[in-house]
Amino acid sequence: MNDFEPRPDAIYLTSQAVGNAWSWLVMREALLHGVHRFADFHGRLGIARSTLSARLSHLVDSGLLMRGLGDAADEYLVAPAGEDFFDCLMTALAWGDRWCVKDSEEPPLRVTHRQCGGPASPELHCAACRKVVVAHDVYAEHAERRLGTTRMPGRYHRAPDYGLLERNRPCSIARTQTVLGDRWNCLVVREAFFGVHRFDEFRTNLDISTNILADRLSHLMEHGVLARTPYQQRPTRYAYHLTKKGLDLYPVALAIIAWGERWKASGGPLVPLTHIPCGTRLHALLCCGTCSDPLTLAEADIAETASAGRTTRNAGK
């Protein structure tokens, strides 16, 4: 009997539960802007009605949203698992602000930490030592992955049309999802963080077809997340490495891992992480980049800037 039956890791579980880039933007609307009705989602996202209906149904089935009762039967309300998705949205927002907004531009969404009154500038800190978590400071105990646990069956849908994500207004979360908003892209980045560099390694670990892998690697290189260098001649073969921009995606990946392990995993961490500077099991805490205190939805004032509109949540409450 095989003692190492394949099982998904938390990034896989989250990608299955949440879905593609459109699902992230639905959660953005529900969680950050208080949108609940189908017509309001449709108007703000500019998404095809059939796609929106499918995304909403998927999020309800996955437990991030729930249908209202009684007079609110036509509403989609945020469930506890959806409220906990706040960290994922904030880390995606922060990465998009850093890498996809020009220096002369104001970020489309302003998040102010009510406690200190400064820009939230969300960061993930180690809960034990309170240092900012970066990729090189984390050790992943992933020996089990080398025994086949990453070859997970499942249906992967076509990548969304990234050009439509900002059709109605600019958004840093949408720009991050241009990179990670397809399940294969997210899993390729996962493998890169685990030290996978060669094409055949990616293909074997992900059990992915050659043409899909080549397309996703090209996509990630076009967005500056991966760079390739030759390691063999005749024939030429390349190694793929995370760039500085790619390494900075780690907080997004870590938030995705944490959410998946809290809501979709069982039996403890699927890939235990150790924070090297303090030597403890890593528990990431979303914090304000101004005062370093914990950042929660209740303590965040969220406003769209002039270029994106003026919708607010929590401001003045």
C-alpha atoms as a PDB file:
ATOM      1  CA  MET A   1       0.000   0.000   0.000  1.00  0.00           C
ATOM      2  CA  ASN A   2       1.303   3.457  -0.853  1.00  0.00           C
ATOM      3  CA  ASP A   3       1.795   5.481   2.348  1.00  0.00           C
ATOM      4  CA  PHE A   4       2.200   8.690   0.373  1.00  0.00           C
ATOM      5  CA  GLU A   5      -1.074   9.158  -1.389  1.00  0.00           C
ATOM      6  CA  PRO A   6      -1.164  12.367  -3.427  1.00  0.00           C
ATOM      7  CA  ARG A   7      -2.801  15.222  -1.585  1.00  0.00           C
ATOM      8  CA  PRO A   8      -3.136  18.873  -2.511  1.00  0.00           C
ATOM      9  CA  ASP A   9      -1.227  21.661  -0.845  1.00  0.00           C
ATOM     10  CA  ALA A  10      -2.880  24.849   0.421  1.00  0.00           C
ATOM     11  CA  ILE A  11      -2.222  26.890  -2.722  1.00  0.00           C
ATOM     12  CA  TYR A  12      -3.931  24.224  -4.797  1.00  0.00           C
ATOM     13  CA  LEU A  13      -6.825  24.067  -2.337  1.00  0.00           C
ATOM     14  CA  THR A  14      -7.285  27.840  -2.369  1.00  0.00           C
ATOM     15  CA  SER A  15      -7.138  28.021  -6.157  1.00  0.00           C
ATOM     16  CA  GLN A  16      -9.816  25.332  -6.344  1.00  0.00           C
ATOM     17  CA  ALA A  17     -12.020  27.031  -3.756  1.00  0.00           C
ATOM     18  CA  VAL A  18     -11.748  30.606  -4.993  1.00  0.00           C
ATOM     19  CA  GLY A  19     -11.274  30.225  -8.724  1.00  0.00           C
ATOM     20  CA  ASN A  20      -9.719  32.577 -11.231  1.00  0.00           C
ATOM     21  CA  ALA A  21      -9.169  36.340 -11.357  1.00  0.00           C
ATOM     22  CA  TRP A  22     -12.876  37.173 -11.682  1.00  0.00           C
ATOM     23  CA  SER A  23     -13.573  35.442  -8.365  1.00  0.00           C
ATOM     24  CA  TRP A  24     -10.933  37.601  -6.678  1.00  0.00           C
ATOM     25  CA  LEU A  25     -12.621  40.711  -8.052  1.00  0.00           C
ATOM     26  CA  VAL A  26     -16.037  39.498  -6.902  1.00  0.00           C
ATOM     27  CA  MET A  27     -14.562  39.097  -3.411  1.00  0.00           C
ATOM     28  CA  ARG A  28     -12.997  42.547  -3.698  1.00  0.00           C
ATOM     29  CA  GLU A  29     -16.426  44.034  -4.363  1.00  0.00           C
ATOM     30  CA  ALA A  30     -18.171  42.060  -1.624  1.00  0.00           C
ATOM     31  CA  LEU A  31     -15.550  42.469   1.083  1.00  0.00           C
ATOM     32  CA  LEU A  32     -13.987  45.876   0.424  1.00  0.00           C
ATOM     33  CA  HIS A  33     -16.943  47.751  -1.080  1.00  0.00           C
ATOM     34  CA  GLY A  34     -19.966  46.090   0.507  1.00  0.00           C
ATOM     35  CA  VAL A  35     -21.551  44.947  -2.772  1.00  0.00           C
ATOM     36  CA  HIS A  36     -24.213  42.250  -2.311  1.00  0.00           C
ATOM     37  CA  ARG A  37     -26.600  42.263  -5.282  1.00  0.00           C
ATOM     38  CA  PHE A  38     -26.066  40.659  -8.677  1.00  0.00           C
ATOM     39  CA  ALA A  39     -26.866  43.858 -10.566  1.00  0.00           C
ATOM     40  CA  ASP A  40     -24.337  45.830  -8.527  1.00  0.00           C
ATOM     41  CA  PHE A  41     -21.597  43.246  -9.101  1.00  0.00           C
ATOM     42  CA  HIS A  42     -22.430  43.298 -12.798  1.00  0.00           C
ATOM     43  CA  GLY A  43     -22.379  47.070 -13.045  1.00  0.00           C
ATOM     44  CA  ARG A  44     -19.119  47.544 -11.168  1.00  0.00           C
ATOM     45  CA  LEU A  45     -17.195  44.693 -12.797  1.00  0.00           C
ATOM     46  CA  GLY A  46     -18.452  44.920 -16.369  1.00  0.00           C
ATOM     47  CA  ILE A  47     -18.402  41.131 -16.472  1.00  0.00           C
ATOM     48  CA  ALA A  48     -20.559  38.886 -18.663  1.00  0.00           C
ATOM     49  CA  ARG A  49     -23.697  37.872 -16.788  1.00  0.00           C
ATOM     50  CA  SER A  50     -23.069  34.174 -17.356  1.00  0.00           C
ATOM     51  CA  THR A  51     -19.498  34.447 -16.052  1.00  0.00           C
ATOM     52  CA  LEU A  52     -20.640  36.421 -13.010  1.00  0.00           C
ATOM     53  CA  SER A  53     -23.369  33.904 -12.239  1.00  0.00           C
ATOM     54  CA  ALA A  54     -20.863  31.042 -12.445  1.00  0.00           C
ATOM     55  CA  ARG A  55     -18.331  32.853 -10.213  1.00  0.00           C
ATOM     56  CA  LEU A  56     -20.953  33.720  -7.583  1.00  0.00           C
ATOM     57  CA  SER A  57     -22.274  30.164  -7.514  1.00  0.00           C
ATOM     58  CA  HIS A  58     -18.754  28.788  -7.175  1.00  0.00           C
ATOM     59  CA  LEU A  59     -17.950  31.121  -4.270  1.00  0.00           C
ATOM     60  CA  VAL A  60     -21.197  30.137  -2.525  1.00  0.00           C
ATOM     61  CA  ASP A  61     -20.422  26.437  -3.019  1.00  0.00           C
ATOM     62  CA  SER A  62     -16.889  27.017  -1.664  1.00  0.00           C
ATOM     63  CA  GLY A  63     -18.175  28.803   1.445  1.00  0.00           C
ATOM     64  CA  LEU A  64     -16.800  32.302   0.824  1.00  0.00           C
ATOM     65  CA  LEU A  65     -20.235  33.775   0.091  1.00  0.00           C
ATOM     66  CA  MET A  66     -23.711  32.763   1.218  1.00  0.00           C
ATOM     67  CA  ARG A  67     -27.167  33.543  -0.053  1.00  0.00           C
ATOM     68  CA  GLY A  68     -29.276  35.834   2.090  1.00  0.00           C
ATOM     69  CA  LEU A  69     -32.493  34.778   3.805  1.00  0.00           C
ATOM     70  CA  GLY A  70     -35.957  36.276   3.807  1.00  0.00           C
ATOM     71  CA  ASP A  71     -35.963  39.813   2.437  1.00  0.00           C
ATOM     72  CA  ALA A  72     -32.266  39.417   1.566  1.00  0.00           C
ATOM     73  CA  ALA A  73     -32.756  36.232  -0.473  1.00  0.00           C
ATOM     74  CA  ASP A  74     -31.457  37.930  -3.624  1.00  0.00           C
ATOM     75  CA  GLU A  75     -28.212  39.033  -1.942  1.00  0.00           C
ATOM     76  CA  TYR A  76     -24.778  37.433  -1.728  1.00  0.00           C
ATOM     77  CA  LEU A  77     -23.399  37.941   1.768  1.00  0.00           C
ATOM     78  CA  VAL A  78     -19.825  37.454   2.912  1.00  0.00           C
ATOM     79  CA  ALA A  79     -19.357  34.248   4.939  1.00  0.00           C
ATOM     80  CA  PRO A  80     -16.685  33.888   7.660  1.00  0.00           C
ATOM     81  CA  ALA A  81     -14.299  32.226   5.183  1.00  0.00           C
ATOM     82  CA  GLY A  82     -14.850  35.167   2.858  1.00  0.00           C
ATOM     83  CA  GLU A  83     -14.120  37.684   5.617  1.00  0.00           C
ATOM     84  CA  ASP A  84     -10.867  35.829   6.278  1.00  0.00           C
ATOM     85  CA  PHE A  85      -9.923  36.335   2.604  1.00  0.00           C
ATOM     86  CA  PHE A  86      -9.081  39.949   3.518  1.00  0.00           C
ATOM     87  CA  ASP A  87      -5.376  39.115   3.929  1.00  0.00           C
ATOM     88  CA  CYS A  88      -5.218  37.671   0.413  1.00  0.00           C
ATOM     89  CA  LEU A  89      -6.831  40.773  -1.078  1.00  0.00           C
ATOM     90  CA  MET A  90      -4.560  43.140   0.880  1.00  0.00           C
ATOM     91  CA  THR A  91      -1.310  41.397  -0.074  1.00  0.00           C
ATOM     92  CA  ALA A  92      -2.420  41.348  -3.715  1.00  0.00           C
ATOM     93  CA  LEU A  93      -3.277  45.045  -3.467  1.00  0.00           C
ATOM     94  CA  ALA A  94       0.123  45.880  -1.954  1.00  0.00           C
ATOM     95  CA  TRP A  95       2.035  43.988  -4.664  1.00  0.00           C
ATOM     96  CA  GLY A  96       0.020  45.640  -7.420  1.00  0.00           C
ATOM     97  CA  ASP A  97       0.653  49.071  -5.888  1.00  0.00           C
ATOM     98  CA  ARG A  98       4.402  48.439  -5.721  1.00  0.00           C
ATOM     99  CA  TRP A  99       4.915  47.001  -9.168  1.00  0.00           C
ATOM    100  CA  CYS A 100       2.018  48.084 -11.389  1.00  0.00           C
ATOM    101  CA  VAL A 101       1.417  51.739 -10.472  1.00  0.00           C
ATOM    102  CA  LYS A 102       3.658  54.412 -11.967  1.00  0.00           C
ATOM    103  CA  ASP A 103       5.559  56.664  -9.570  1.00  0.00           C
ATOM    104  CA  SER A 104       3.616  59.674 -10.845  1.00  0.00           C
ATOM    105  CA  GLU A 105       0.236  58.004 -10.276  1.00  0.00           C
ATOM    106  CA  GLU A 106      -1.870  57.601  -7.173  1.00  0.00           C
ATOM    107  CA  PRO A 107      -2.863  53.987  -6.389  1.00  0.00           C
ATOM    108  CA  PRO A 108      -6.503  53.370  -7.410  1.00  0.00           C
ATOM    109  CA  LEU A 109      -7.467  52.227  -3.907  1.00  0.00           C
ATOM    110  CA  ARG A 110      -6.443  54.024  -0.720  1.00  0.00           C
ATOM    111  CA  VAL A 111      -6.381  51.961   2.472  1.00  0.00           C
ATOM    112  CA  THR A 112      -5.900  53.902   5.707  1.00  0.00           C
ATOM    113  CA  HIS A 113      -5.244  52.216   9.041  1.00  0.00           C
ATOM    114  CA  ARG A 114      -7.757  53.764  11.393  1.00  0.00           C
ATOM    115  CA  GLN A 115      -5.656  53.075  14.478  1.00  0.00           C
ATOM    116  CA  CYS A 116      -2.624  55.138  13.389  1.00  0.00           C
ATOM    117  CA  GLY A 117      -4.201  57.259  10.652  1.00  0.00           C
ATOM    118  CA  GLY A 118      -1.454  56.405   8.181  1.00  0.00           C
ATOM    119  CA  PRO A 119      -1.404  54.485   4.887  1.00  0.00           C
ATOM    120  CA  ALA A 120      -1.996  50.821   5.630  1.00  0.00           C
ATOM    121  CA  SER A 121       0.637  49.634   3.099  1.00  0.00           C
ATOM    122  CA  PRO A 122      -0.191  46.016   4.069  1.00  0.00           C
ATOM    123  CA  GLU A 123       2.681  43.709   5.065  1.00  0.00           C
ATOM    124  CA  LEU A 124       2.935  40.187   6.432  1.00  0.00           C
ATOM    125  CA  HIS A 125       4.906  39.927   9.672  1.00  0.00           C
ATOM    126  CA  CYS A 126       6.027  36.881  11.607  1.00  0.00           C
ATOM    127  CA  ALA A 127       3.680  36.662  14.588  1.00  0.00           C
ATOM    128  CA  ALA A 128       6.528  35.511  16.854  1.00  0.00           C
ATOM    129  CA  CYS A 129       9.294  38.032  16.124  1.00  0.00           C
ATOM    130  CA  ARG A 130       7.201  40.630  14.240  1.00  0.00           C
ATOM    131  CA  LYS A 131       9.724  40.972  11.416  1.00  0.00           C
ATOM    132  CA  VAL A 132       8.485  41.480   7.847  1.00  0.00           C
ATOM    133  CA  VAL A 133       8.387  38.087   6.119  1.00  0.00           C
ATOM    134  CA  VAL A 134      10.409  37.732   2.912  1.00  0.00           C
ATOM    135  CA  ALA A 135      10.893  34.640   0.786  1.00  0.00           C
ATOM    136  CA  HIS A 136      14.559  34.042   1.611  1.00  0.00           C
ATOM    137  CA  ASP A 137      13.780  33.997   5.354  1.00  0.00           C
ATOM    138  CA  VAL A 138      11.388  31.045   5.146  1.00  0.00           C
ATOM    139  CA  TYR A 139      12.314  27.362   5.116  1.00  0.00           C
ATOM    140  CA  ALA A 140       9.702  24.999   3.682  1.00  0.00           C
ATOM    141  CA  GLU A 141       9.717  21.401   4.869  1.00  0.00           C
ATOM    142  CA  HIS A 142       8.715  20.037   1.515  1.00  0.00           C
ATOM    143  CA  ALA A 143      10.417  16.633   1.369  1.00  0.00           C
ATOM    144  CA  GLU A 144       7.016  14.964   1.088  1.00  0.00           C
ATOM    145  CA  ARG A 145       6.360  16.885  -2.123  1.00  0.00           C
ATOM    146  CA  ARG A 146       9.175  14.940  -3.806  1.00  0.00           C
ATOM    147  CA  LEU A 147       7.200  11.751  -3.308  1.00  0.00           C
ATOM    148  CA  GLY A 148       4.505  12.691  -5.791  1.00  0.00           C
ATOM    149  CA  THR A 149       2.204  14.783  -3.640  1.00  0.00           C
ATOM    150  CA  THR A 150       2.082  17.648  -6.136  1.00  0.00           C
ATOM    151  CA  ARG A 151       0.606  15.655  -8.992  1.00  0.00           C
ATOM    152  CA  MET A 152      -2.982  16.471  -8.356  1.00  0.00           C
ATOM    153  CA  PRO A 153      -5.775  15.623 -10.774  1.00  0.00           C
ATOM    154  CA  GLY A 154      -8.411  18.189 -11.488  1.00  0.00           C
ATOM    155  CA  ARG A 155     -10.034  20.289 -14.146  1.00  0.00           C
ATOM    156  CA  TYR A 156      -8.327  23.570 -14.916  1.00  0.00           C
ATOM    157  CA  HIS A 157     -10.316  26.209 -16.707  1.00  0.00           C
ATOM    158  CA  ARG A 158      -9.113  28.498 -19.445  1.00  0.00           C
ATOM    159  CA  ALA A 159      -7.309  31.622 -18.297  1.00  0.00           C
ATOM    160  CA  PRO A 160      -9.542  34.708 -18.082  1.00  0.00           C
ATOM    161  CA  ASP A 161      -9.242  37.567 -20.545  1.00  0.00           C
ATOM    162  CA  TYR A 162      -6.888  39.739 -18.512  1.00  0.00           C
ATOM    163  CA  GLY A 163      -7.604  42.772 -20.671  1.00  0.00           C
ATOM    164  CA  LEU A 164     -11.162  42.896 -19.279  1.00  0.00           C
ATOM    165  CA  LEU A 165     -10.269  42.929 -15.573  1.00  0.00           C
ATOM    166  CA  GLU A 166      -9.899  46.710 -15.482  1.00  0.00           C
ATOM    167  CA  ARG A 167     -12.489  47.507 -18.121  1.00  0.00           C
ATOM    168  CA  ASN A 168     -14.568  49.639 -15.750  1.00  0.00           C
ATOM    169  CA  ARG A 169     -11.799  51.124 -13.595  1.00  0.00           C
ATOM    170  CA  PRO A 170      -8.151  50.587 -12.611  1.00  0.00           C
ATOM    171  CA  CYS A 171      -7.328  48.261  -9.730  1.00  0.00           C
ATOM    172  CA  SER A 172      -4.049  47.007  -8.248  1.00  0.00           C
ATOM    173  CA  ILE A 173      -5.689  43.729  -7.182  1.00  0.00           C
ATOM    174  CA  ALA A 174      -6.728  43.159 -10.795  1.00  0.00           C
ATOM    175  CA  ARG A 175      -3.160  43.851 -11.940  1.00  0.00           C
ATOM    176  CA  THR A 176      -1.805  41.264  -9.520  1.00  0.00           C
ATOM    177  CA  GLN A 177      -4.398  38.831 -10.811  1.00  0.00           C
ATOM    178  CA  THR A 178      -3.110  39.428 -14.327  1.00  0.00           C
ATOM    179  CA  VAL A 179      -0.093  37.495 -13.077  1.00  0.00           C
ATOM    180  CA  LEU A 180      -1.686  34.989 -10.667  1.00  0.00           C
ATOM    181  CA  GLY A 181      -5.320  34.925 -11.784  1.00  0.00           C
ATOM    182  CA  ASP A 182      -5.044  31.631 -13.644  1.00  0.00           C
ATOM    183  CA  ARG A 183      -4.659  28.448 -11.605  1.00  0.00           C
ATOM    184  CA  TRP A 184      -1.692  27.200 -13.622  1.00  0.00           C
ATOM    185  CA  ASN A 185       0.149  30.521 -13.238  1.00  0.00           C
ATOM    186  CA  CYS A 186      -0.314  30.317  -9.480  1.00  0.00           C
ATOM    187  CA  LEU A 187       0.959  26.733  -9.341  1.00  0.00           C
ATOM    188  CA  VAL A 188       3.983  27.506 -11.532  1.00  0.00           C
ATOM    189  CA  VAL A 189       4.906  30.358  -9.159  1.00  0.00           C
ATOM    190  CA  ARG A 190       4.419  27.960  -6.229  1.00  0.00           C
ATOM    191  CA  GLU A 191       6.926  25.547  -7.754  1.00  0.00           C
ATOM    192  CA  ALA A 192       9.405  28.362  -8.377  1.00  0.00           C
ATOM    193  CA  PHE A 193       9.253  29.303  -4.690  1.00  0.00           C
ATOM    194  CA  PHE A 194       9.974  25.661  -3.833  1.00  0.00           C
ATOM    195  CA  GLY A 195      13.179  25.830  -5.869  1.00  0.00           C
ATOM    196  CA  VAL A 196      12.014  24.290  -9.136  1.00  0.00           C
ATOM    197  CA  HIS A 197      13.844  25.823 -12.113  1.00  0.00           C
ATOM    198  CA  ARG A 198      13.813  23.470 -15.085  1.00  0.00           C
ATOM    199  CA  PHE A 199      11.026  22.901 -17.591  1.00  0.00           C
ATOM    200  CA  ASP A 200      10.900  19.139 -17.066  1.00  0.00           C
ATOM    201  CA  GLU A 201      10.705  19.596 -13.289  1.00  0.00           C
ATOM    202  CA  PHE A 202       7.751  21.926 -13.614  1.00  0.00           C
ATOM    203  CA  ARG A 203       6.047  19.515 -16.006  1.00  0.00           C
ATOM    204  CA  THR A 204       6.621  16.496 -13.765  1.00  0.00           C
ATOM    205  CA  ASN A 205       5.602  18.159 -10.503  1.00  0.00           C
ATOM    206  CA  LEU A 206       2.464  19.739 -11.941  1.00  0.00           C
ATOM    207  CA  ASP A 207       1.516  16.935 -14.350  1.00  0.00           C
ATOM    208  CA  ILE A 208       0.884  19.700 -16.883  1.00  0.00           C
ATOM    209  CA  SER A 209       0.915  19.470 -20.683  1.00  0.00           C
ATOM    210  CA  THR A 210       3.963  20.863 -22.478  1.00  0.00           C
ATOM    211  CA  ASN A 211       2.079  23.517 -24.437  1.00  0.00           C
ATOM    212  CA  ILE A 212       0.198  24.859 -21.383  1.00  0.00           C
ATOM    213  CA  LEU A 213       3.409  25.012 -19.345  1.00  0.00           C
ATOM    214  CA  ALA A 214       5.279  26.809 -22.137  1.00  0.00           C
ATOM    215  CA  ASP A 215       2.438  29.336 -22.387  1.00  0.00           C
ATOM    216  CA  ARG A 216       2.372  29.997 -18.629  1.00  0.00           C
ATOM    217  CA  LEU A 217       6.146  30.348 -18.395  1.00  0.00           C
ATOM    218  CA  SER A 218       6.076  32.840 -21.275  1.00  0.00           C
ATOM    219  CA  HIS A 219       3.274  34.769 -19.580  1.00  0.00           C
ATOM    220  CA  LEU A 220       5.206  35.025 -16.319  1.00  0.00           C
ATOM    221  CA  MET A 221       8.349  36.125 -18.148  1.00  0.00           C
ATOM    222  CA  GLU A 222       6.415  38.783 -20.069  1.00  0.00           C
ATOM    223  CA  HIS A 223       5.271  40.217 -16.734  1.00  0.00           C
ATOM    224  CA  GLY A 224       8.776  40.202 -15.298  1.00  0.00           C
ATOM    225  CA  VAL A 225       8.079  37.573 -12.636  1.00  0.00           C
ATOM    226  CA  LEU A 226      10.377  34.915 -14.101  1.00  0.00           C
ATOM    227  CA  ALA A 227      13.612  35.204 -16.052  1.00  0.00           C
ATOM    228  CA  ARG A 228      15.365  32.393 -17.864  1.00  0.00           C
ATOM    229  CA  THR A 229      19.030  31.588 -18.352  1.00  0.00           C
ATOM    230  CA  PRO A 230      20.564  28.781 -20.434  1.00  0.00           C
ATOM    231  CA  TYR A 231      22.110  25.920 -18.501  1.00  0.00           C
ATOM    232  CA  GLN A 232      22.779  23.593 -21.454  1.00  0.00           C
ATOM    233  CA  GLN A 233      23.763  23.963 -25.106  1.00  0.00           C
ATOM    234  CA  ARG A 234      22.971  21.669 -28.051  1.00  0.00           C
ATOM    235  CA  PRO A 235      20.116  21.583 -27.478  1.00  0.00           C
ATOM    236  CA  THR A 236      19.666  24.784 -25.545  1.00  0.00           C
ATOM    237  CA  ARG A 237      17.799  24.298 -22.299  1.00  0.00           C
ATOM    238  CA  TYR A 238      16.791  26.998 -19.867  1.00  0.00           C
ATOM    239  CA  ALA A 239      16.400  27.444 -16.139  1.00  0.00           C
ATOM    240  CA  TYR A 240      13.625  29.706 -14.850  1.00  0.00           C
ATOM    241  CA  HIS A 241      14.222  31.852 -11.769  1.00  0.00           C
ATOM    242  CA  LEU A 242      12.090  34.301  -9.858  1.00  0.00           C
ATOM    243  CA  THR A 243      13.122  37.897 -10.393  1.00  0.00           C
ATOM    244  CA  LYS A 244      13.069  40.537  -7.657  1.00  0.00           C
ATOM    245  CA  LYS A 245       9.520  41.292  -8.771  1.00  0.00           C
ATOM    246  CA  GLY A 246       8.653  37.599  -8.617  1.00  0.00           C
ATOM    247  CA  LEU A 247      10.194  37.084  -5.173  1.00  0.00           C
ATOM    248  CA  ASP A 248       8.089  39.984  -3.931  1.00  0.00           C
ATOM    249  CA  LEU A 249       4.981  37.894  -4.696  1.00  0.00           C
ATOM    250  CA  TYR A 250       5.813  35.753  -1.665  1.00  0.00           C
ATOM    251  CA  PRO A 251       3.435  37.570   0.733  1.00  0.00           C
ATOM    252  CA  VAL A 252       0.579  36.910  -1.701  1.00  0.00           C
ATOM    253  CA  ALA A 253       1.499  33.232  -1.907  1.00  0.00           C
ATOM    254  CA  LEU A 254       1.868  33.051   1.877  1.00  0.00           C
ATOM    255  CA  ALA A 255      -1.569  34.611   2.441  1.00  0.00           C
ATOM    256  CA  ILE A 256      -3.056  32.108  -0.024  1.00  0.00           C
ATOM    257  CA  ILE A 257      -1.345  29.239   1.841  1.00  0.00           C
ATOM    258  CA  ALA A 258      -2.570  30.473   5.217  1.00  0.00           C
ATOM    259  CA  TRP A 259      -6.172  30.828   4.023  1.00  0.00           C
ATOM    260  CA  GLY A 260      -6.180  27.389   2.406  1.00  0.00           C
ATOM    261  CA  GLU A 261      -4.808  25.716   5.526  1.00  0.00           C
ATOM    262  CA  ARG A 262      -7.353  27.447   7.777  1.00  0.00           C
ATOM    263  CA  TRP A 263     -10.411  26.732   5.651  1.00  0.00           C
ATOM    264  CA  LYS A 264      -9.741  23.837   3.269  1.00  0.00           C
ATOM    265  CA  ALA A 265      -7.075  21.628   4.843  1.00  0.00           C
ATOM    266  CA  SER A 266      -7.174  19.242   7.762  1.00  0.00           C
ATOM    267  CA  GLY A 267      -4.548  17.525   9.888  1.00  0.00           C
ATOM    268  CA  GLY A 268      -2.092  20.391  10.281  1.00  0.00           C
ATOM    269  CA  PRO A 269       0.118  22.315   7.853  1.00  0.00           C
ATOM    270  CA  LEU A 270       0.481  20.586   4.502  1.00  0.00           C
ATOM    271  CA  VAL A 271       3.936  22.119   3.978  1.00  0.00           C
ATOM    272  CA  PRO A 272       5.245  23.369   7.351  1.00  0.00           C
ATOM    273  CA  LEU A 273       7.088  26.700   7.159  1.00  0.00           C
ATOM    274  CA  THR A 274       9.807  27.897   9.525  1.00  0.00           C
ATOM    275  CA  HIS A 275      10.800  31.547   9.907  1.00  0.00           C
ATOM    276  CA  ILE A 276      14.590  31.322   9.856  1.00  0.00           C
ATOM    277  CA  PRO A 277      15.415  34.576  11.754  1.00  0.00           C
ATOM    278  CA  CYS A 278      13.560  33.449  14.906  1.00  0.00           C
ATOM    279  CA  GLY A 279      13.476  29.684  14.326  1.00  0.00           C
ATOM    280  CA  THR A 280       9.748  29.304  14.992  1.00  0.00           C
ATOM    281  CA  ARG A 281       6.967  27.762  12.947  1.00  0.00           C
ATOM    282  CA  LEU A 282       5.799  30.612  10.757  1.00  0.00           C
ATOM    283  CA  HIS A 283       2.444  32.168  11.470  1.00  0.00           C
ATOM    284  CA  ALA A 284       1.985  35.222   9.262  1.00  0.00           C
ATOM    285  CA  LEU A 285       0.138  38.250  10.578  1.00  0.00           C
ATOM    286  CA  LEU A 286      -1.197  41.015   8.330  1.00  0.00           C
ATOM    287  CA  CYS A 287       0.099  44.335   9.629  1.00  0.00           C
ATOM    288  CA  CYS A 288       0.020  48.030   8.826  1.00  0.00           C
ATOM    289  CA  GLY A 289       3.171  49.140   7.042  1.00  0.00           C
ATOM    290  CA  THR A 290       3.081  52.474   8.884  1.00  0.00           C
ATOM    291  CA  CYS A 291       2.744  51.431  12.550  1.00  0.00           C
ATOM    292  CA  SER A 292       3.366  47.639  12.278  1.00  0.00           C
ATOM    293  CA  ASP A 293       0.252  46.826  14.322  1.00  0.00           C
ATOM    294  CA  PRO A 294      -2.215  44.188  13.069  1.00  0.00           C
ATOM    295  CA  LEU A 295      -4.467  45.278  10.204  1.00  0.00           C
ATOM    296  CA  THR A 296      -8.054  44.012  10.029  1.00  0.00           C
ATOM    297  CA  LEU A 297     -11.013  44.889   7.847  1.00  0.00           C
ATOM    298  CA  ALA A 298     -12.682  46.584  10.815  1.00  0.00           C
ATOM    299  CA  GLU A 299      -9.639  48.858  11.237  1.00  0.00           C
ATOM    300  CA  ALA A 300      -9.285  49.689   7.526  1.00  0.00           C
ATOM    301  CA  ASP A 301     -10.824  52.741   5.878  1.00  0.00           C
ATOM    302  CA  ILE A 302     -11.029  51.942   2.177  1.00  0.00           C
ATOM    303  CA  ALA A 303     -11.633  54.551  -0.510  1.00  0.00           C
ATOM    304  CA  GLU A 304     -11.300  54.609  -4.267  1.00  0.00           C
ATOM    305  CA  THR A 305      -9.186  57.544  -5.414  1.00  0.00           C
ATOM    306  CA  ALA A 306     -10.203  60.104  -8.022  1.00  0.00           C
ATOM    307  CA  SER A 307      -9.157  57.965 -10.981  1.00  0.00           C
ATOM    308  CA  ALA A 308     -11.215  54.994  -9.801  1.00  0.00           C
ATOM    309  CA  GLY A 309     -14.283  56.571  -8.182  1.00  0.00           C
ATOM    310  CA  ARG A 310     -15.295  57.505  -4.678  1.00  0.00           C
ATOM    311  CA  THR A 311     -16.794  54.393  -3.154  1.00  0.00           C
ATOM    312  CA  THR A 312     -15.829  54.043   0.511  1.00  0.00           C
ATOM    313  CA  ARG A 313     -16.120  51.416   3.217  1.00  0.00           C
ATOM    314  CA  ASN A 314     -15.792  52.028   6.963  1.00  0.00           C
ATOM    315  CA  ALA A 315     -14.843  55.679   6.487  1.00  0.00           C
ATOM    316  CA  GLY A 316     -16.494  57.829   9.122  1.00  0.00           C
ATOM    317  CA  LYS A 317     -18.044  54.899  10.985  1.00  0.00           C
END
